[in-house]
Protein backbone atom coordinates (compact mmCIF):
# COMPACT_ATOMS: atom_id res chain seq x y z
CA UNK A 1 -0.11 0.24 -0.03
CA UNK A 2 3.11 2.12 0.66
CA UNK A 3 4.30 1.48 -2.60
CA UNK A 4 1.14 2.29 -4.48
CA UNK A 5 0.46 5.56 -2.28
CA UNK A 6 3.97 6.85 -3.53
CA UNK A 7 2.44 6.13 -6.93
CA UNK A 8 -0.12 8.00 -6.92
CA UNK A 9 1.49 11.06 -9.57
CA UNK A 10 2.93 8.12 -11.98
CA UNK A 11 -0.38 6.62 -12.35
CA UNK A 12 -2.13 10.47 -13.39
CA UNK A 13 0.68 10.34 -16.19
CA UNK A 14 0.24 7.17 -17.41
CA UNK A 15 -3.74 7.28 -17.21
CA UNK A 16 -2.88 9.94 -18.93
CA UNK A 17 -1.08 8.17 -21.93
CA UNK A 18 -4.74 5.59 -22.40
CA UNK A 19 -6.54 7.96 -22.33
CA UNK A 20 -4.93 10.34 -25.12
CA UNK A 21 -4.49 6.92 -27.53
CA UNK A 22 -7.73 5.18 -27.09
CA UNK A 23 -10.05 4.81 -29.79
CA UNK A 24 -13.72 6.14 -28.83
CA UNK A 25 -16.25 6.61 -31.53
CA UNK A 26 -18.70 9.25 -31.24
CA UNK A 27 -21.59 8.06 -30.07
CA UNK A 28 -24.07 7.90 -33.67
CA UNK A 29 -27.66 9.09 -31.31
CA UNK A 30 -27.65 12.35 -29.44
CA UNK A 31 -26.24 12.13 -25.59
CA UNK A 32 -29.46 13.08 -23.15
CA UNK A 33 -27.89 11.56 -20.45
CA UNK A 34 -25.03 9.93 -18.38
CA UNK A 35 -24.44 6.50 -16.64
CA UNK A 36 -22.00 5.40 -14.29
CA UNK A 37 -21.91 2.07 -12.99
CA UNK A 38 -19.45 0.33 -10.05
CA UNK A 39 -18.51 -0.98 -6.93
CA UNK A 40 -15.83 0.04 -4.20
CA UNK A 41 -12.68 1.40 -5.45
CA UNK A 42 -14.21 1.05 -8.75
CA UNK A 43 -16.83 2.89 -8.15
CA UNK A 44 -15.70 5.94 -5.99
CA UNK A 45 -14.10 7.43 -9.10
CA UNK A 46 -17.59 8.05 -10.88
CA UNK A 47 -18.79 9.99 -7.98
CA UNK A 48 -15.22 12.19 -7.74
CA UNK A 49 -16.11 12.82 -11.72
CA UNK A 50 -19.83 13.15 -11.83
CA UNK A 51 -18.43 15.26 -8.55
CA UNK A 52 -16.47 17.84 -10.44
CA UNK A 53 -18.76 17.80 -13.37
CA UNK A 54 -21.82 19.62 -11.50
CA UNK A 55 -22.74 22.40 -13.62
CA UNK A 56 -20.26 22.08 -16.65
CA UNK A 57 -21.66 19.26 -18.36
CA UNK A 58 -25.19 19.74 -19.98
CA UNK A 59 -26.87 17.03 -19.52
CA UNK A 60 -27.88 14.69 -16.30
CA UNK A 61 -24.67 12.42 -14.29
CA UNK A 62 -26.27 9.52 -12.17
CA UNK A 63 -24.08 7.11 -10.44
CA UNK A 64 -25.28 3.69 -9.94
CA UNK A 65 -23.79 0.80 -6.86
CA UNK A 66 -25.94 -2.16 -7.36
CA UNK A 67 -27.63 -4.96 -10.02
CA UNK A 68 -30.11 -2.75 -11.62
CA UNK A 69 -29.94 0.52 -13.60
CA UNK A 70 -33.08 3.40 -13.85
CA UNK A 71 -35.78 3.08 -16.63
CA UNK A 72 -34.27 6.40 -18.65
CA UNK A 73 -31.62 4.55 -19.55
CA UNK A 74 -31.64 4.34 -24.12
CA UNK A 75 -30.15 4.28 -27.09
CA UNK A 76 -29.73 8.59 -26.36
CA UNK A 77 -27.67 7.63 -22.96
CA UNK A 78 -23.92 6.96 -22.36
CA UNK A 79 -23.23 4.38 -20.09
CA UNK A 80 -19.64 4.24 -18.40
CA UNK A 81 -18.99 0.49 -16.13
CA UNK A 82 -15.67 0.84 -14.15
CA UNK A 83 -15.00 -2.78 -12.38
CA UNK A 84 -10.93 -2.56 -11.72
CA UNK A 85 -10.44 -6.26 -11.82
CA UNK A 86 -13.80 -6.59 -14.71
CA UNK A 87 -15.34 -9.45 -11.90
CA UNK A 88 -17.77 -7.01 -10.05
CA UNK A 89 -20.55 -9.22 -10.56
CA UNK A 90 -23.33 -5.52 -9.99
CA UNK A 91 -21.49 -4.37 -12.52
CA UNK A 92 -21.73 -6.58 -14.81
CA UNK A 93 -25.16 -7.24 -14.90
CA UNK A 94 -25.40 -3.79 -15.08
CA UNK A 95 -23.95 -3.91 -18.51
CA UNK A 96 -26.58 -7.13 -19.89
CA UNK A 97 -29.23 -4.84 -19.17
CA UNK A 98 -28.10 -1.46 -20.86
CA UNK A 99 -27.12 -3.45 -23.72
CA UNK A 100 -30.86 -4.65 -23.36
CA UNK A 101 -31.24 -1.19 -24.00
CA UNK A 102 -29.22 -0.31 -26.49
CA UNK A 103 -27.23 2.08 -24.55
CA UNK A 104 -23.49 3.28 -25.60
CA UNK A 105 -21.68 1.49 -24.22
CA UNK A 106 -17.85 1.85 -22.62
CA UNK A 107 -16.18 -0.18 -20.05
CA UNK A 108 -12.84 0.76 -18.08
CA UNK A 109 -11.46 -2.37 -16.56
CA UNK A 110 -7.98 -4.08 -16.27
CA UNK A 111 -9.27 -6.97 -17.38
CA UNK A 112 -11.83 -9.82 -15.87
CA UNK A 113 -15.20 -10.90 -17.57
CA UNK A 114 -15.76 -7.12 -18.45
CA UNK A 115 -12.76 -7.18 -21.00
CA UNK A 116 -14.39 -10.55 -22.10
CA UNK A 117 -17.72 -9.44 -22.96
CA UNK A 118 -16.80 -6.03 -24.16
CA UNK A 119 -15.02 -7.50 -26.92
CA UNK A 120 -17.12 -10.18 -27.86
CA UNK A 121 -20.06 -7.42 -27.81
CA UNK A 122 -17.81 -5.03 -29.81
CA UNK A 123 -17.68 -2.50 -26.71
CA UNK A 124 -15.25 0.17 -26.69
CA UNK A 125 -12.97 0.38 -22.99
CA UNK A 126 -10.23 1.56 -22.03
CA UNK A 127 -8.50 -0.90 -20.41
CA UNK A 128 -6.25 0.19 -17.07
CA UNK A 129 -2.69 -2.41 -15.58
CA UNK A 130 -4.44 -5.46 -13.65
CA UNK A 131 -1.03 -5.28 -11.86
CA UNK A 132 -2.04 -4.67 -7.87
CA UNK A 133 -4.95 -6.50 -6.64
CA UNK A 134 -6.16 -3.62 -4.21
CA UNK A 135 -8.70 -1.16 -6.48
CA UNK A 136 -8.94 1.65 -4.07
CA UNK A 137 -4.85 1.81 -4.87
CA UNK A 138 -6.02 3.06 -8.75
CA UNK A 139 -8.10 5.99 -7.75
CA UNK A 140 -5.60 7.68 -10.31
CA UNK A 141 -6.10 5.40 -13.66
CA UNK A 142 -9.81 4.52 -12.90
CA UNK A 143 -11.12 8.87 -12.30
CA UNK A 144 -8.85 9.55 -15.78
CA UNK A 145 -9.91 7.32 -17.90
CA UNK A 146 -13.49 8.57 -16.57
CA UNK A 147 -12.94 11.79 -18.01
CA UNK A 148 -10.37 10.88 -21.04
CA UNK A 149 -14.43 8.73 -21.75
CA UNK A 150 -16.07 11.72 -21.24
CA UNK A 151 -13.54 14.24 -23.41
CA UNK A 152 -13.08 11.86 -26.68
CA UNK A 153 -17.37 11.69 -26.93
CA UNK A 154 -17.00 15.71 -26.32
CA UNK A 155 -19.29 15.95 -23.16
CA UNK A 156 -16.14 18.03 -21.79
CA UNK A 157 -12.54 20.09 -23.13
CA UNK A 158 -9.57 19.32 -22.65
CA UNK A 159 -8.46 20.80 -19.95
CA UNK A 160 -8.15 18.12 -17.68
CA UNK A 161 -5.22 16.82 -18.99
CA UNK A 162 -3.10 19.97 -17.91
CA UNK A 163 -5.05 20.21 -14.46
CA UNK A 164 -3.64 17.15 -13.97
CA UNK A 165 -0.17 17.55 -15.22
CA UNK A 166 -0.12 20.30 -13.42
CA UNK A 167 -1.27 18.34 -10.19
CA UNK A 168 1.21 15.72 -10.84
CA UNK A 169 3.95 18.52 -10.62
CA UNK A 170 2.33 19.87 -7.74
CA UNK A 171 2.48 16.75 -5.00
CA UNK A 172 5.78 15.74 -6.67
CA UNK A 173 7.11 18.86 -5.31
CA UNK A 174 5.75 18.58 -1.77
CA UNK A 175 5.18 15.17 -1.22
CA UNK A 176 7.64 15.32 2.39
CA UNK A 177 5.76 18.01 3.21
CA UNK A 178 1.76 15.76 2.53
CA UNK A 179 3.40 12.94 4.60
CA UNK A 180 4.58 14.94 7.46
CA UNK A 181 1.30 16.36 7.79
CA UNK A 182 -0.78 13.06 6.73
CA UNK A 183 1.60 11.12 9.57
CA UNK A 184 0.37 13.82 11.76
CA UNK A 185 -3.15 13.73 11.48
CA UNK A 186 -3.56 10.45 12.01
CA UNK A 187 -1.94 10.32 15.53
CA UNK A 188 -4.66 13.12 16.48
CA UNK A 189 -6.98 10.12 14.89
CA UNK A 190 -5.72 7.04 17.32
CA UNK A 191 -8.55 5.96 19.40
CA UNK A 192 -11.21 7.92 18.13
CA UNK A 193 -14.59 7.83 16.26
CA UNK A 194 -13.75 10.41 13.17
CA UNK A 195 -16.99 12.51 11.80
CA UNK A 196 -15.74 14.37 8.34
CA UNK A 197 -18.00 17.57 7.21
CA UNK A 198 -17.61 19.23 4.30
CA UNK A 199 -19.82 21.42 1.25
CA UNK A 200 -22.06 19.07 -0.05
CA UNK A 201 -19.68 19.48 -3.55
CA UNK A 202 -17.22 17.25 -1.64
CA UNK A 203 -19.19 14.62 -0.32
CA UNK A 204 -17.54 12.30 -2.50
CA UNK A 205 -13.84 13.46 -1.57
CA UNK A 206 -15.85 12.63 2.38
CA UNK A 207 -16.96 8.52 0.99
CA UNK A 208 -13.79 8.23 -0.54
CA UNK A 209 -11.42 9.08 2.53
CA UNK A 210 -14.05 7.32 4.67
CA UNK A 211 -13.74 3.88 2.77
CA UNK A 212 -9.52 4.52 2.79
CA UNK A 213 -9.74 4.80 6.88
CA UNK A 214 -12.29 1.74 6.87
CA UNK A 215 -10.49 -0.32 4.54
CA UNK A 216 -6.68 0.51 5.54
CA UNK A 217 -6.85 1.11 9.30
CA UNK A 218 -9.65 -0.95 9.85
CA UNK A 219 -11.45 2.34 11.16
CA UNK A 220 -15.06 3.30 11.52
CA UNK A 221 -15.50 6.38 10.56
CA UNK A 222 -18.82 8.69 9.49
CA UNK A 223 -19.13 11.24 7.11
CA UNK A 224 -21.50 14.31 5.87
CA UNK A 225 -22.65 18.00 4.46
CA UNK A 226 -23.32 21.25 4.95
CA UNK A 227 -25.78 22.29 4.97
CA UNK A 228 -27.94 19.33 5.38
CA UNK A 229 -26.72 18.92 9.00
CA UNK A 230 -28.08 22.00 9.66
CA UNK A 231 -31.28 20.68 9.45
CA UNK A 232 -30.99 17.76 11.09
CA UNK A 233 -27.33 15.69 12.02
CA UNK A 234 -26.89 18.84 14.42
CA UNK A 235 -29.43 17.96 16.92
CA UNK A 236 -27.91 14.26 17.33
CA UNK A 237 -24.71 16.25 18.84
CA UNK A 238 -26.18 15.25 22.83
CA UNK A 239 -25.87 11.40 22.98
CA UNK A 240 -24.33 9.03 24.12
CA UNK A 241 -21.81 11.30 25.99
CA UNK A 242 -19.23 9.21 26.11
CA UNK A 243 -19.14 8.48 21.95
CA UNK A 244 -19.00 11.74 21.83
CA UNK A 245 -15.78 12.42 23.91
CA UNK A 246 -14.54 10.57 21.73
CA UNK A 247 -15.43 11.69 18.29
CA UNK A 248 -13.13 13.38 16.78
CA UNK A 249 -14.43 15.85 13.75
CA UNK A 250 -12.45 16.68 10.54
CA UNK A 251 -13.50 19.55 8.13
CA UNK A 252 -12.35 19.24 4.47
CA UNK A 253 -11.87 22.97 2.68
CA UNK A 254 -11.80 23.61 -0.56
CA UNK A 255 -11.68 27.16 -2.47
CA UNK A 256 -15.21 26.19 -4.64
CA UNK A 257 -17.00 25.50 -0.90
CA UNK A 258 -20.41 27.87 -1.08
CA UNK A 259 -19.90 31.40 1.01
CA UNK A 260 -22.46 30.35 3.19
CA UNK A 261 -21.00 27.01 3.68
CA UNK A 262 -18.05 28.43 5.49
CA UNK A 263 -20.02 30.77 7.46
CA UNK A 264 -22.38 27.37 8.36
CA UNK A 265 -18.90 25.18 9.18
CA UNK A 266 -17.78 28.17 11.18
CA UNK A 267 -20.89 29.18 13.55
CA UNK A 268 -20.96 24.95 13.83
CA UNK A 269 -17.46 25.03 14.93
CA UNK A 270 -17.74 26.01 18.84
CA UNK A 271 -20.77 23.78 19.21
CA UNK A 272 -19.11 20.65 18.02
CA UNK A 273 -15.80 21.36 19.90
CA UNK A 274 -17.09 21.99 23.34
CA UNK A 275 -18.68 18.65 22.94
CA UNK A 276 -15.88 16.41 21.60
CA UNK A 277 -12.26 17.19 20.66
CA UNK A 278 -10.81 20.41 18.73
CA UNK A 279 -11.46 20.44 14.85
CA UNK A 280 -9.05 18.75 12.18
CA UNK A 281 -8.66 21.09 9.08
CA UNK A 282 -7.74 20.19 5.79
CA UNK A 283 -7.38 22.88 3.66
CA UNK A 284 -7.26 21.47 -0.86
CA UNK A 285 -4.47 23.04 -2.28
CA UNK A 286 -4.84 23.91 -6.29
CA UNK A 287 -5.47 25.78 -9.07
CA UNK A 288 -8.15 24.20 -9.85
CA UNK A 289 -11.10 21.86 -7.90
CA UNK A 290 -9.43 18.47 -9.68
CA UNK A 291 -6.07 19.52 -8.32
CA UNK A 292 -7.32 19.81 -4.78
CA UNK A 293 -9.30 16.93 -5.50
CA UNK A 294 -5.61 15.07 -6.62
CA UNK A 295 -4.44 16.58 -3.06
CA UNK A 296 -6.42 15.88 -0.76
CA UNK A 297 -7.31 12.01 -2.22
CA UNK A 298 -3.06 12.01 -1.98
CA UNK A 299 -3.16 13.30 1.65
CA UNK A 300 -5.87 11.73 2.81
CA UNK A 301 -4.73 8.23 1.09
CA UNK A 302 -1.33 9.06 3.60
CA UNK A 303 -3.90 9.33 6.42
CA UNK A 304 -5.29 6.29 6.07
CA UNK A 305 -1.97 4.43 5.81
CA UNK A 306 -0.82 6.10 8.87
CA UNK A 307 -3.49 5.54 11.10
CA UNK A 308 -3.01 2.37 9.95
CA UNK A 309 0.13 1.71 11.78
CA UNK A 310 -1.31 3.40 14.56
CA UNK A 311 -3.66 0.93 14.86
CA UNK A 312 -1.29 -2.01 14.19
CA UNK A 313 -2.58 -2.79 11.13
CA UNK A 314 -1.08 -3.95 7.77
CA UNK A 315 -2.77 -1.88 5.14
CA UNK A 316 -2.18 -4.89 3.25
CA UNK A 317 -3.60 -7.64 5.11
CA UNK A 318 -6.47 -9.73 3.82
CA UNK A 319 -9.87 -7.76 3.84
CA UNK A 320 -11.65 -10.67 5.74
CA UNK A 321 -15.29 -9.17 6.67
CA UNK A 322 -15.04 -8.10 2.45
CA UNK A 323 -13.88 -11.86 1.28
CA UNK A 324 -16.66 -13.13 3.99
CA UNK A 325 -20.01 -12.20 1.76
CA UNK A 326 -17.93 -12.76 -1.38
CA UNK A 327 -17.53 -16.13 -0.78
CA UNK A 328 -21.11 -16.24 0.77
CA UNK A 329 -22.87 -15.13 -1.80
CA UNK A 330 -20.61 -16.76 -4.08
CA UNK A 331 -22.28 -20.14 -2.50
CA UNK A 332 -25.98 -19.00 -3.82
CA UNK A 333 -25.45 -19.09 -7.76
């Protein structure tokens, strides 16, 4: 895991080359909506790209996680299926359903049954490296491939290419400082219950952070977003008191937070700190939202790694609970 996190910028650079070399034909019919499917470490890239393109793509983007797809899928749908292994049964099921709807399908995978399916039915695909057995550590490939798919179908411009190159340079130059900050934050999270709060625009980023804490450090975490939590969850900050005392709120910030949300976060700060611990502030760095996402991904990945060390957990160890569910499901085909 340490090597994979260190290789994040290399993954981004390689993914750009792959994205620039693929040959994706413009859909024959007008694209009126986009559906992206994927699970776990493959699916979170879809959520991040959905967030990044919010307000920039003139048609709806929906992320679907499960076995079914929405009724609106049609020949006017750009359907992008994401599975690092190519064997996620939920995502494979959605491809078959999208084929029946005659959607324009693009598969992003390293191989497995998905690649076989794409080749058998002449579906467009982007193949990414599959040497790693940890999809969550290959997020750079998935994000850039998704952006490349949207670019090649004329739904976004080429700005993401330069922004990714800028982020690679920025992260490489700041690597030591990023690791130092991550290690310090991990020490503060040890023995605590992380509660990650942010602007709704960063919801996908908070989810990624939560997932990494779960899988790498084997630690529970909770997320919610402003302004929604000011309308409900904040009232729950009363009981049980012993749990609240162990809570550790983490604020994620970006330059793209709504100004009213920033005000809400500051107003709420004292409320949370009087009931738990001083809030940890994590501020994104970078010139664009995409660059800031890359920064937050890299920083929080390192936090999850160092927290695994604090918890005396090997982040590369087998995911016993996840594997148990898969093995039990396999008995009921």
